[in-house]
């Protein structure tokens, strides 16, 4: 039986999400896992024998109105087992209008310094401007709302004692009250992502660092990037372009409070993917397999194909309409997408003080991720610059201050 052009279009649209999703989340992880088994396990150089032998480092925090969360973050950063006289902290305030600046200035530790931006410019601009104010050989970038366990900083820095490594990324651990927040799916996704980065490290390099906790060499940090890009994503490629590896360090954990609501998660994902797509376009030369080998494959698979999945889901809305006569059963996909989008709308408008049922919360997380992806691609196609940086308002962790 001849298949009409309309039917071909319909089947291509219907199958596209299955092909893209199957490759990004099944075939590619399986490929990297198998490849990693052929490579020796990643092993950093030995730790220095004395405190004076550890390199001097700067912890960089770009903050905007983080008065409620920043003190605990500083407390944990300074309480790590890293040699105190080799540790500095620079807080870049993006013209905060609350008590962030006063908190830093009055913190009471000379290792903690404040640099206030002359005008509000966003996190990437703050990272660019921080360069001349940094001290030491290594820069550790952290979010203003995360907590570093006592024994996590040394393993991150230790990886950079290897002259072949230019960037080391920590391992995020998502924490929070699942009952109150209804956002358990974020933890599942983070765990999957961290495992994949461990396998990529064994193959050669990761293609994006954890924005919450990563370290790179100071001269790589000094590379100026366009302010609309995501430095944590770009930093791995900056290192690769300079001939270094970028690795994930499992022992270097950081505690990341989950976003409290799926409404906040939609904003975070829209911003993150929008900047990520802009960064990917800026770094498109790294997807040349003849020059960058396995790194090019990972950029294509881990980033581009995964992000192509989001516009691909439009095929489940539209494709079955081309198959009404020959395959009417595919209309269940259109119906399912419509139900899912209604569900996404429901969880976005859900009252913050009411618990989301677990099934609705998990399904809602998937569909707000799809909506966030659509937003990100739309901004890219319109050539729109990212909106002014608004940090994700993660809850203040109820973990006790370090002793």
Protein backbone atom coordinates (compact mmCIF):
# COMPACT_ATOMS: atom_id res chain seq x y z
CA UNK A 1 0.00 0.00 0.00
CA UNK A 2 1.32 3.41 -0.95
CA UNK A 3 1.99 5.76 1.94
CA UNK A 4 1.01 9.35 1.28
CA UNK A 5 3.29 12.29 1.99
CA UNK A 6 0.96 13.35 4.79
CA UNK A 7 1.30 9.94 6.44
CA UNK A 8 5.08 10.05 6.14
CA UNK A 9 5.09 13.43 7.86
CA UNK A 10 2.76 12.12 10.54
CA UNK A 11 4.92 9.08 11.31
CA UNK A 12 8.11 11.13 11.37
CA UNK A 13 6.53 13.53 13.87
CA UNK A 14 5.16 10.70 16.01
CA UNK A 15 8.41 8.72 16.06
CA UNK A 16 10.75 11.67 16.57
CA UNK A 17 10.38 11.87 20.40
CA UNK A 18 10.84 8.11 20.70
CA UNK A 19 14.02 8.15 18.64
CA UNK A 20 15.48 11.24 20.32
CA UNK A 21 14.49 10.19 23.84
CA UNK A 22 15.59 6.60 23.32
CA UNK A 23 19.00 7.73 22.14
CA UNK A 24 19.52 10.46 24.75
CA UNK A 25 18.33 8.54 27.81
CA UNK A 26 18.90 4.88 26.91
CA UNK A 27 21.31 4.29 24.01
CA UNK A 28 23.80 7.04 24.83
CA UNK A 29 24.09 6.22 28.57
CA UNK A 30 24.48 2.54 27.65
CA UNK A 31 27.19 3.45 25.12
CA UNK A 32 29.10 5.59 27.64
CA UNK A 33 28.72 2.95 30.36
CA UNK A 34 30.14 0.26 28.08
CA UNK A 35 32.92 2.56 26.87
CA UNK A 36 33.82 3.48 30.45
CA UNK A 37 34.31 -0.20 31.28
CA UNK A 38 37.13 -0.30 28.73
CA UNK A 39 38.95 2.55 30.45
CA UNK A 40 40.77 2.59 33.79
CA UNK A 41 38.92 4.17 36.70
CA UNK A 42 39.65 7.86 37.19
CA UNK A 43 42.22 8.36 39.92
CA UNK A 44 43.46 11.80 41.08
CA UNK A 45 47.07 12.45 42.13
CA UNK A 46 48.01 11.78 45.77
CA UNK A 47 46.94 14.40 48.29
CA UNK A 48 49.69 16.77 49.46
CA UNK A 49 51.48 15.61 52.60
CA UNK A 50 51.34 18.99 54.38
CA UNK A 51 48.89 21.87 54.62
CA UNK A 52 51.40 24.25 53.03
CA UNK A 53 51.59 22.05 49.94
CA UNK A 54 47.93 22.54 49.06
CA UNK A 55 47.41 25.29 46.45
CA UNK A 56 45.91 28.62 47.44
CA UNK A 57 42.31 28.82 46.23
CA UNK A 58 39.47 31.31 45.99
CA UNK A 59 35.86 30.32 46.50
CA UNK A 60 33.75 32.51 44.20
CA UNK A 61 30.11 33.23 45.01
CA UNK A 62 28.02 35.54 42.81
CA UNK A 63 25.00 36.61 44.83
CA UNK A 64 21.90 38.72 44.40
CA UNK A 65 19.72 39.29 47.47
CA UNK A 66 20.93 36.16 49.27
CA UNK A 67 20.87 37.53 52.83
CA UNK A 68 18.74 34.64 54.10
CA UNK A 69 20.90 31.85 52.68
CA UNK A 70 24.43 33.18 52.34
CA UNK A 71 25.61 33.03 55.95
CA UNK A 72 25.10 29.29 56.23
CA UNK A 73 26.83 28.79 52.89
CA UNK A 74 29.83 30.81 54.10
CA UNK A 75 29.87 28.97 57.42
CA UNK A 76 30.10 25.59 55.70
CA UNK A 77 32.66 26.76 53.13
CA UNK A 78 35.01 28.03 55.83
CA UNK A 79 34.50 24.96 58.03
CA UNK A 80 35.84 22.48 55.46
CA UNK A 81 39.05 20.62 56.21
CA UNK A 82 40.94 22.63 53.58
CA UNK A 83 43.93 24.47 55.10
CA UNK A 84 42.53 27.76 56.42
CA UNK A 85 45.53 29.87 55.37
CA UNK A 86 45.19 28.65 51.76
CA UNK A 87 41.49 29.48 51.48
CA UNK A 88 39.89 32.76 50.37
CA UNK A 89 36.27 33.66 49.64
CA UNK A 90 35.14 36.36 47.21
CA UNK A 91 31.46 37.29 47.17
CA UNK A 92 30.42 39.28 44.11
CA UNK A 93 27.22 41.16 44.88
CA UNK A 94 25.16 41.86 41.76
CA UNK A 95 23.91 45.14 43.24
CA UNK A 96 21.98 43.36 45.99
CA UNK A 97 19.27 45.51 47.56
CA UNK A 98 18.86 43.55 50.79
CA UNK A 99 21.41 42.93 53.53
CA UNK A 100 23.73 40.71 51.47
CA UNK A 101 26.54 43.27 51.27
CA UNK A 102 26.40 44.09 54.97
CA UNK A 103 26.42 40.39 55.86
CA UNK A 104 29.65 39.86 53.92
CA UNK A 105 31.34 43.03 55.15
CA UNK A 106 30.52 42.21 58.77
CA UNK A 107 31.10 38.48 58.57
CA UNK A 108 34.14 38.75 60.80
CA UNK A 109 36.68 36.70 58.85
CA UNK A 110 39.40 38.48 56.85
CA UNK A 111 39.38 35.69 54.28
CA UNK A 112 35.88 36.75 53.18
CA UNK A 113 35.82 39.75 50.85
CA UNK A 114 33.09 41.61 48.97
CA UNK A 115 33.14 43.00 45.46
CA UNK A 116 30.00 44.92 44.50
CA UNK A 117 29.17 45.28 40.83
CA UNK A 118 28.76 48.91 39.73
CA UNK A 119 25.41 48.04 38.16
CA UNK A 120 23.19 44.98 38.04
CA UNK A 121 24.46 42.83 35.19
CA UNK A 122 23.73 39.18 36.00
CA UNK A 123 25.75 36.20 37.20
CA UNK A 124 27.91 35.63 34.07
CA UNK A 125 28.95 39.31 34.08
CA UNK A 126 29.80 39.00 37.77
CA UNK A 127 31.94 35.96 37.04
CA UNK A 128 33.75 37.89 34.30
CA UNK A 129 34.35 40.86 36.59
CA UNK A 130 35.65 38.72 39.46
CA UNK A 131 38.92 37.82 37.75
CA UNK A 132 41.21 40.61 39.02
CA UNK A 133 39.95 40.13 42.59
CA UNK A 134 40.65 36.41 42.84
CA UNK A 135 43.57 34.96 44.74
CA UNK A 136 45.40 31.71 44.28
CA UNK A 137 45.83 29.18 41.50
CA UNK A 138 42.37 27.59 41.58
CA UNK A 139 38.87 29.07 41.59
CA UNK A 140 36.00 27.13 43.18
CA UNK A 141 32.61 28.42 42.05
CA UNK A 142 29.60 27.72 44.27
CA UNK A 143 26.00 28.88 44.48
CA UNK A 144 24.98 31.13 47.35
CA UNK A 145 22.41 28.60 48.60
CA UNK A 146 24.40 25.34 48.65
CA UNK A 147 26.28 23.68 51.50
CA UNK A 148 29.72 22.08 51.18
CA UNK A 149 30.31 19.11 53.51
CA UNK A 150 33.50 19.29 55.55
CA UNK A 151 35.42 16.71 53.51
CA UNK A 152 34.29 17.71 49.99
CA UNK A 153 36.59 20.59 49.07
CA UNK A 154 39.92 18.76 49.16
CA UNK A 155 38.88 16.04 46.64
CA UNK A 156 37.73 18.72 44.20
CA UNK A 157 41.01 20.63 44.39
CA UNK A 158 43.04 17.41 44.43
CA UNK A 159 41.76 16.55 40.95
CA UNK A 160 43.37 19.73 39.64
CA UNK A 161 46.78 18.65 40.91
CA UNK A 162 46.77 16.52 37.75
CA UNK A 163 48.30 18.79 35.07
CA UNK A 164 46.01 17.20 32.45
CA UNK A 165 42.85 18.33 34.27
CA UNK A 166 41.58 21.87 33.81
CA UNK A 167 38.18 21.60 35.48
CA UNK A 168 36.75 19.46 38.27
CA UNK A 169 33.03 19.27 38.97
CA UNK A 170 31.38 18.25 42.21
CA UNK A 171 28.53 15.82 42.71
CA UNK A 172 25.17 17.42 43.55
CA UNK A 173 23.02 15.85 46.22
CA UNK A 174 19.46 17.18 46.14
CA UNK A 175 18.02 17.69 49.62
CA UNK A 176 14.73 18.96 51.03
CA UNK A 177 11.35 18.05 52.42
CA UNK A 178 9.75 15.90 49.73
CA UNK A 179 6.37 15.94 51.44
CA UNK A 180 6.23 19.71 51.59
CA UNK A 181 7.88 20.48 48.26
CA UNK A 182 6.37 17.86 45.95
CA UNK A 183 9.51 17.93 43.81
CA UNK A 184 11.09 14.52 44.36
CA UNK A 185 11.57 14.04 40.61
CA UNK A 186 14.31 16.65 40.69
CA UNK A 187 16.35 14.34 42.95
CA UNK A 188 15.91 11.42 40.55
CA UNK A 189 17.06 13.48 37.58
CA UNK A 190 20.07 14.88 39.46
CA UNK A 191 21.13 11.40 40.50
CA UNK A 192 20.94 10.14 36.91
CA UNK A 193 22.93 13.11 35.66
CA UNK A 194 25.70 12.65 38.23
CA UNK A 195 26.08 8.97 37.34
CA UNK A 196 26.35 9.80 33.64
CA UNK A 197 29.07 12.37 34.37
CA UNK A 198 31.05 9.74 36.28
CA UNK A 199 30.98 7.47 33.22
CA UNK A 200 31.96 10.35 30.90
CA UNK A 201 34.90 11.15 33.17
CA UNK A 202 36.18 7.62 32.81
CA UNK A 203 35.92 7.88 29.02
CA UNK A 204 37.72 11.25 28.99
CA UNK A 205 35.81 14.44 29.86
CA UNK A 206 32.46 15.72 31.02
CA UNK A 207 30.80 18.34 28.82
CA UNK A 208 29.29 20.52 31.56
CA UNK A 209 30.10 21.24 35.19
CA UNK A 210 27.74 21.39 38.13
CA UNK A 211 26.81 25.05 38.42
CA UNK A 212 26.55 24.61 42.17
CA UNK A 213 30.08 23.39 42.87
CA UNK A 214 33.03 23.19 40.47
CA UNK A 215 36.67 24.28 40.30
CA UNK A 216 38.92 25.33 37.47
CA UNK A 217 42.33 26.82 36.93
CA UNK A 218 42.51 30.55 37.41
CA UNK A 219 43.71 31.31 33.88
CA UNK A 220 40.70 29.44 32.52
CA UNK A 221 38.40 31.35 34.86
CA UNK A 222 39.87 34.58 33.47
CA UNK A 223 38.57 33.76 29.97
CA UNK A 224 35.84 36.32 29.27
CA UNK A 225 32.55 34.90 28.02
CA UNK A 226 29.48 36.67 26.60
CA UNK A 227 27.16 37.51 29.52
CA UNK A 228 24.22 35.60 28.05
CA UNK A 229 26.05 32.26 28.36
CA UNK A 230 26.14 29.72 31.19
CA UNK A 231 29.73 29.60 32.46
CA UNK A 232 29.33 26.28 34.28
CA UNK A 233 28.41 24.65 30.94
CA UNK A 234 30.96 26.62 28.91
CA UNK A 235 33.79 26.10 31.41
CA UNK A 236 34.20 22.42 30.50
CA UNK A 237 34.59 23.33 26.82
CA UNK A 238 36.94 26.22 27.63
CA UNK A 239 39.13 23.67 29.39
CA UNK A 240 38.87 21.21 26.50
CA UNK A 241 39.72 23.88 23.93
CA UNK A 242 42.87 24.62 25.93
CA UNK A 243 43.85 20.95 25.87
CA UNK A 244 42.66 19.94 29.36
CA UNK A 245 40.27 17.29 30.60
CA UNK A 246 37.15 18.14 32.58
CA UNK A 247 36.28 15.57 35.24
CA UNK A 248 33.53 14.80 37.72
CA UNK A 249 34.68 14.03 41.26
CA UNK A 250 32.27 11.74 43.08
CA UNK A 251 33.79 12.42 46.51
CA UNK A 252 33.30 16.18 46.15
CA UNK A 253 29.65 16.37 47.13
CA UNK A 254 27.56 19.46 47.71
CA UNK A 255 24.10 19.69 49.22
CA UNK A 256 21.60 21.48 46.98
CA UNK A 257 18.19 22.40 48.44
CA UNK A 258 15.45 21.50 45.98
CA UNK A 259 13.37 24.25 44.49
CA UNK A 260 10.33 24.50 46.79
CA UNK A 261 7.64 24.43 44.11
CA UNK A 262 7.23 23.24 40.55
CA UNK A 263 6.40 26.82 39.61
CA UNK A 264 9.91 27.82 40.70
CA UNK A 265 11.31 24.78 38.91
CA UNK A 266 9.70 25.93 35.64
CA UNK A 267 11.42 29.31 35.92
CA UNK A 268 14.74 27.68 36.78
CA UNK A 269 14.60 25.18 33.92
CA UNK A 270 13.51 27.80 31.39
CA UNK A 271 16.45 30.01 32.34
CA UNK A 272 18.95 27.16 32.53
CA UNK A 273 18.00 25.62 29.19
CA UNK A 274 17.80 29.01 27.49
CA UNK A 275 21.33 29.88 28.54
CA UNK A 276 22.41 26.32 27.79
CA UNK A 277 21.18 26.48 24.20
CA UNK A 278 22.88 29.83 23.67
CA UNK A 279 26.09 28.36 25.08
CA UNK A 280 25.82 25.29 22.86
CA UNK A 281 25.50 27.46 19.76
CA UNK A 282 28.52 29.49 20.89
CA UNK A 283 30.54 26.28 21.35
CA UNK A 284 29.26 24.45 18.28
CA UNK A 285 32.81 23.96 17.00
CA UNK A 286 33.38 21.46 19.83
CA UNK A 287 30.94 19.09 18.08
CA UNK A 288 33.48 18.51 15.30
CA UNK A 289 34.32 14.79 15.75
CA UNK A 290 37.42 14.99 13.55
CA UNK A 291 39.01 17.46 15.94
CA UNK A 292 37.50 16.70 19.34
CA UNK A 293 36.72 12.98 19.12
CA UNK A 294 34.78 11.59 22.09
CA UNK A 295 34.13 15.09 23.42
CA UNK A 296 32.27 15.98 20.21
CA UNK A 297 30.15 12.83 20.53
CA UNK A 298 29.31 13.69 24.13
CA UNK A 299 28.39 17.29 23.31
CA UNK A 300 26.12 16.09 20.52
CA UNK A 301 24.53 13.31 22.56
CA UNK A 302 24.41 14.69 26.11
CA UNK A 303 23.43 18.23 25.16
CA UNK A 304 22.12 18.74 21.62
CA UNK A 305 20.06 15.54 21.22
CA UNK A 306 18.67 15.83 24.75
CA UNK A 307 17.53 19.41 24.12
CA UNK A 308 16.15 18.53 20.67
CA UNK A 309 13.75 16.18 22.45
CA UNK A 310 11.69 19.10 23.75
CA UNK A 311 10.61 20.52 20.36
CA UNK A 312 10.31 16.88 19.28
CA UNK A 313 7.38 16.46 21.67
CA UNK A 314 5.41 18.84 19.47
CA UNK A 315 5.23 15.85 17.13
CA UNK A 316 2.94 14.08 19.57
CA UNK A 317 0.60 17.04 19.49
CA UNK A 318 0.58 17.47 15.72
CA UNK A 319 1.67 14.19 14.13
CA UNK A 320 -1.48 12.13 14.89
CA UNK A 321 -3.58 14.73 13.05
CA UNK A 322 -1.85 13.62 9.84
CA UNK A 323 -2.72 9.99 10.64
CA UNK A 324 -6.42 10.33 11.48
CA UNK A 325 -7.49 8.10 8.59
CA UNK A 326 -4.72 5.49 8.55
CA UNK A 327 -3.80 5.24 12.24
CA UNK A 328 -6.47 6.92 14.37
CA UNK A 329 -5.15 5.18 17.50
CA UNK A 330 -2.19 7.60 17.49
CA UNK A 331 -4.61 10.31 18.60
CA UNK A 332 -4.05 8.97 22.11
CA UNK A 333 -0.68 10.75 21.96
CA UNK A 334 -2.34 14.07 21.17
CA UNK A 335 -4.83 13.50 23.97
CA UNK A 336 -2.03 12.55 26.36
CA UNK A 337 -0.04 15.68 25.55
CA UNK A 338 -3.10 17.89 26.08
CA UNK A 339 -3.78 16.21 29.43
CA UNK A 340 -0.14 16.63 30.36
CA UNK A 341 -0.14 20.34 29.52
CA UNK A 342 -3.29 20.82 31.57
CA UNK A 343 -1.53 18.98 34.39
CA UNK A 344 1.49 21.26 34.04
CA UNK A 345 -0.80 24.25 34.34
CA UNK A 346 -2.36 22.70 37.43
CA UNK A 347 0.92 22.16 39.26
CA UNK A 348 2.17 25.65 38.36
CA UNK A 349 -0.91 27.24 39.91
CA UNK A 350 -1.06 24.82 42.87
CA UNK A 351 -1.11 26.70 46.21
CA UNK A 352 2.34 26.74 47.80
CA UNK A 353 0.98 25.72 51.20
CA UNK A 354 -0.73 22.54 49.97
CA UNK A 355 0.97 19.23 49.32
CA UNK A 356 0.94 17.97 45.73
CA UNK A 357 -0.12 14.32 45.33
CA UNK A 358 2.98 12.32 44.42
CA UNK A 359 1.71 11.04 41.06
CA UNK A 360 0.64 14.52 39.98
CA UNK A 361 3.94 15.99 41.19
CA UNK A 362 6.06 13.47 39.25
CA UNK A 363 3.98 13.79 36.06
CA UNK A 364 3.88 17.56 36.44
CA UNK A 365 7.68 17.71 36.69
CA UNK A 366 7.98 15.95 33.33
CA UNK A 367 5.55 18.27 31.58
CA UNK A 368 6.88 21.51 33.04
CA UNK A 369 10.30 20.35 31.80
CA UNK A 370 8.80 20.05 28.32
CA UNK A 371 7.22 23.51 28.57
CA UNK A 372 10.53 24.95 29.80
CA UNK A 373 12.26 23.38 26.80
CA UNK A 374 9.74 24.93 24.43
CA UNK A 375 10.33 28.34 26.00
CA UNK A 376 14.10 27.96 25.69
CA UNK A 377 13.96 27.03 21.99
CA UNK A 378 11.52 29.85 21.29
CA UNK A 379 13.92 32.38 22.84
CA UNK A 380 16.76 30.94 20.75
CA UNK A 381 14.79 31.06 17.49
CA UNK A 382 13.76 34.63 18.24
CA UNK A 383 17.38 35.49 19.03
CA UNK A 384 16.26 36.90 22.37
CA UNK A 385 18.80 37.58 25.09
CA UNK A 386 18.31 35.87 28.42
CA UNK A 387 16.29 37.83 30.95
CA UNK A 388 18.10 39.49 33.84
CA UNK A 389 19.40 36.90 36.24
CA UNK A 390 17.05 36.04 39.07
CA UNK A 391 18.62 33.39 41.32
CA UNK A 392 16.47 30.39 42.13
CA UNK A 393 14.96 31.03 45.56
CA UNK A 394 15.86 27.73 47.15
CA UNK A 395 14.74 27.21 50.74
CA UNK A 396 17.16 27.79 53.60
CA UNK A 397 18.51 24.40 54.61
CA UNK A 398 17.60 23.27 58.10
CA UNK A 399 20.94 21.49 58.49
CA UNK A 400 22.81 22.71 61.57
CA UNK A 401 25.76 25.04 61.18
CA UNK A 402 29.15 23.28 61.22
CA UNK A 403 30.59 22.75 64.64
